């Protein structure tokens, strides 16, 4: 299997495992407050392909209940779908932080996993990706029923391998450029 395909496969498995868990206060189980109604509307917009509209709806929900992690996770998903990866990472991080403070294990995992999913695929973000995977690993060590520890360990190993390959690739590129420059001078 190609490395990119393996990454995608691992991330899908981890995401499916995390989303399969029941949240203690999932929006579907709460009384349909305005916040929950906005989350539902935003999710519908996102599913219908209206990421921009969903972002607006999730931002409204967050303004009404800024300490609730779900809104931040949903906003991050909409931002990611809309191609706004930098803000999506920040929203996922906010989701994880707020969820950790609230003892919301599921949304903490969603936030950490969402951060990893974006950063590991960006060649320019290897150091933050390594830090994000380490945070996900610490989480999985204590919450293996939400995100399986062996999958995160494999993710960390694969990221380390990719980082090593990046270094080797840069060295090879530099040698080729030096040889090409030398050949041009002769």
Foldseek 3Di string as FASTA:
>chain_A
DDLVVVLVVLLVVQVVLLVVDDWPPPLVPDDCDVLSVLQVVLVVCVVVPNLVVSLVSLVVSCVVPVLALVSLLSNLVSCVSVVVNVSSLVSLVSSLVSCVVVVGLSSVLSSLSSNLVSQLVDPVRLPVNLVSLVVNLVSCVVPCSNGNNVSSVVVNVSSVVVVVVVVVVVVVVVVVVVVVVVVVVD
